[in-house]
């Protein structure tokens, strides 16, 4: 594995999370397009992240909790007494 591969591997997680600058995205994408082994690692990590998100992040808040939060969000805050 060359130096450019190592640099790409260090940035892969933030690339998948779309947290890189435009220049870094172009650099990582260019490397992945030209390096099948790194592209394979990317495909695996991206699919793993997608599966974890799909299988582990499906719980919805109970309806009662959602209603309570909506109510709190629309209530006017109580007036505070100001001491001068």
C-alpha atoms as a PDB file:
ATOM      1  CA  UNK A   1       0.000   0.000   0.000  1.00  0.00           C
ATOM      2  CA  UNK A   2       1.489   3.268  -1.105  1.00  0.00           C
ATOM      3  CA  UNK A   3       1.589   6.592   0.687  1.00  0.00           C
ATOM      4  CA  UNK A   4      -1.376   7.938  -1.284  1.00  0.00           C
ATOM      5  CA  UNK A   5      -3.397   4.852  -0.329  1.00  0.00           C
ATOM      6  CA  UNK A   6      -2.561   5.409   3.345  1.00  0.00           C
ATOM      7  CA  UNK A   7      -3.596   9.075   3.118  1.00  0.00           C
ATOM      8  CA  UNK A   8      -6.858   8.058   1.452  1.00  0.00           C
ATOM      9  CA  UNK A   9      -7.566   5.393   4.079  1.00  0.00           C
ATOM     10  CA  UNK A  10      -7.094   7.975   6.856  1.00  0.00           C
ATOM     11  CA  UNK A  11      -9.671  10.238   5.190  1.00  0.00           C
ATOM     12  CA  UNK A  12     -12.146   7.534   4.197  1.00  0.00           C
ATOM     13  CA  UNK A  13     -14.440   7.799   7.211  1.00  0.00           C
ATOM     14  CA  UNK A  14     -14.833  11.567   6.923  1.00  0.00           C
ATOM     15  CA  UNK A  15     -15.225  11.187   3.158  1.00  0.00           C
ATOM     16  CA  UNK A  16     -18.119   8.786   3.715  1.00  0.00           C
ATOM     17  CA  UNK A  17     -19.618  11.216   6.248  1.00  0.00           C
ATOM     18  CA  UNK A  18     -19.242  14.082   3.724  1.00  0.00           C
ATOM     19  CA  UNK A  19     -17.123  16.138   6.095  1.00  0.00           C
ATOM     20  CA  UNK A  20     -14.187  16.913   3.791  1.00  0.00           C
ATOM     21  CA  UNK A  21     -13.480  20.111   1.905  1.00  0.00           C
ATOM     22  CA  UNK A  22     -14.257  20.159  -1.814  1.00  0.00           C
ATOM     23  CA  UNK A  23     -10.552  19.797  -2.649  1.00  0.00           C
ATOM     24  CA  UNK A  24     -10.171  16.804  -0.314  1.00  0.00           C
ATOM     25  CA  UNK A  25     -13.298  15.170  -1.784  1.00  0.00           C
ATOM     26  CA  UNK A  26     -11.875  15.534  -5.300  1.00  0.00           C
ATOM     27  CA  UNK A  27      -8.543  14.084  -4.172  1.00  0.00           C
ATOM     28  CA  UNK A  28     -10.092  11.070  -2.415  1.00  0.00           C
ATOM     29  CA  UNK A  29     -12.526  10.441  -5.281  1.00  0.00           C
ATOM     30  CA  UNK A  30      -9.738  10.620  -7.861  1.00  0.00           C
ATOM     31  CA  UNK A  31      -7.704   8.111  -5.882  1.00  0.00           C
ATOM     32  CA  UNK A  32     -10.664   5.759  -5.434  1.00  0.00           C
ATOM     33  CA  UNK A  33     -11.391   5.933  -9.170  1.00  0.00           C
ATOM     34  CA  UNK A  34      -7.796   4.881  -9.947  1.00  0.00           C
ATOM     35  CA  UNK A  35      -7.193   2.366  -7.142  1.00  0.00           C
ATOM     36  CA  UNK A  36      -9.436  -0.728  -7.097  1.00  0.00           C
ATOM     37  CA  UNK A  37      -8.145  -1.991  -3.701  1.00  0.00           C
ATOM     38  CA  UNK A  38      -8.972   1.321  -2.001  1.00  0.00           C
ATOM     39  CA  UNK A  39     -12.302   1.481  -3.821  1.00  0.00           C
ATOM     40  CA  UNK A  40     -13.106  -1.961  -2.431  1.00  0.00           C
ATOM     41  CA  UNK A  41     -12.383  -0.768   1.117  1.00  0.00           C
ATOM     42  CA  UNK A  42     -14.545   2.304   0.499  1.00  0.00           C
ATOM     43  CA  UNK A  43     -17.437   0.192  -0.828  1.00  0.00           C
ATOM     44  CA  UNK A  44     -17.239  -2.082   2.208  1.00  0.00           C
ATOM     45  CA  UNK A  45     -17.124   0.777   4.731  1.00  0.00           C
ATOM     46  CA  UNK A  46     -19.908   2.727   3.020  1.00  0.00           C
ATOM     47  CA  UNK A  47     -22.156  -0.345   2.918  1.00  0.00           C
ATOM     48  CA  UNK A  48     -21.379  -1.159   6.552  1.00  0.00           C
ATOM     49  CA  UNK A  49     -22.303   2.375   7.596  1.00  0.00           C
ATOM     50  CA  UNK A  50     -25.521   2.197   5.549  1.00  0.00           C
ATOM     51  CA  UNK A  51     -26.509  -1.119   7.154  1.00  0.00           C
ATOM     52  CA  UNK A  52     -25.772   0.110  10.674  1.00  0.00           C
ATOM     53  CA  UNK A  53     -27.825   3.237  10.056  1.00  0.00           C
ATOM     54  CA  UNK A  54     -30.687   1.190   8.603  1.00  0.00           C
ATOM     55  CA  UNK A  55     -30.751  -1.490  11.295  1.00  0.00           C
ATOM     56  CA  UNK A  56     -29.812   0.505  14.374  1.00  0.00           C
ATOM     57  CA  UNK A  57     -31.467   3.862  13.870  1.00  0.00           C
ATOM     58  CA  UNK A  58     -35.058   2.848  13.284  1.00  0.00           C
ATOM     59  CA  UNK A  59     -36.511   3.534  16.724  1.00  0.00           C
ATOM     60  CA  UNK A  60     -39.087   6.286  16.702  1.00  0.00           C
ATOM     61  CA  UNK A  61     -39.879   8.219  19.805  1.00  0.00           C
ATOM     62  CA  UNK A  62     -43.187   7.226  21.408  1.00  0.00           C
ATOM     63  CA  UNK A  63     -46.143   9.304  20.214  1.00  0.00           C
ATOM     64  CA  UNK A  64     -46.682  10.716  23.713  1.00  0.00           C
ATOM     65  CA  UNK A  65     -43.099  12.010  23.817  1.00  0.00           C
ATOM     66  CA  UNK A  66     -43.356  13.533  20.328  1.00  0.00           C
ATOM     67  CA  UNK A  67     -46.595  15.298  21.311  1.00  0.00           C
ATOM     68  CA  UNK A  68     -45.013  16.640  24.508  1.00  0.00           C
ATOM     69  CA  UNK A  69     -41.977  17.975  22.613  1.00  0.00           C
ATOM     70  CA  UNK A  70     -44.229  19.642  20.015  1.00  0.00           C
ATOM     71  CA  UNK A  71     -46.217  21.254  22.814  1.00  0.00           C
ATOM     72  CA  UNK A  72     -43.053  22.562  24.468  1.00  0.00           C
ATOM     73  CA  UNK A  73     -41.775  23.895  21.177  1.00  0.00           C
ATOM     74  CA  UNK A  74     -44.925  25.918  20.538  1.00  0.00           C
ATOM     75  CA  UNK A  75     -45.440  27.273  24.057  1.00  0.00           C
ATOM     76  CA  UNK A  76     -44.526  30.843  24.803  1.00  0.00           C
ATOM     77  CA  UNK A  77     -41.755  31.072  27.394  1.00  0.00           C
ATOM     78  CA  UNK A  78     -42.909  32.560  30.699  1.00  0.00           C
ATOM     79  CA  UNK A  79     -42.111  36.209  31.256  1.00  0.00           C
ATOM     80  CA  UNK A  80     -39.184  36.676  33.619  1.00  0.00           C
ATOM     81  CA  UNK A  81     -39.113  39.287  36.311  1.00  0.00           C
ATOM     82  CA  UNK A  82     -36.238  41.659  35.765  1.00  0.00           C
ATOM     83  CA  UNK A  83     -34.413  43.054  38.729  1.00  0.00           C
ATOM     84  CA  UNK A  84     -32.744  46.389  38.145  1.00  0.00           C
END
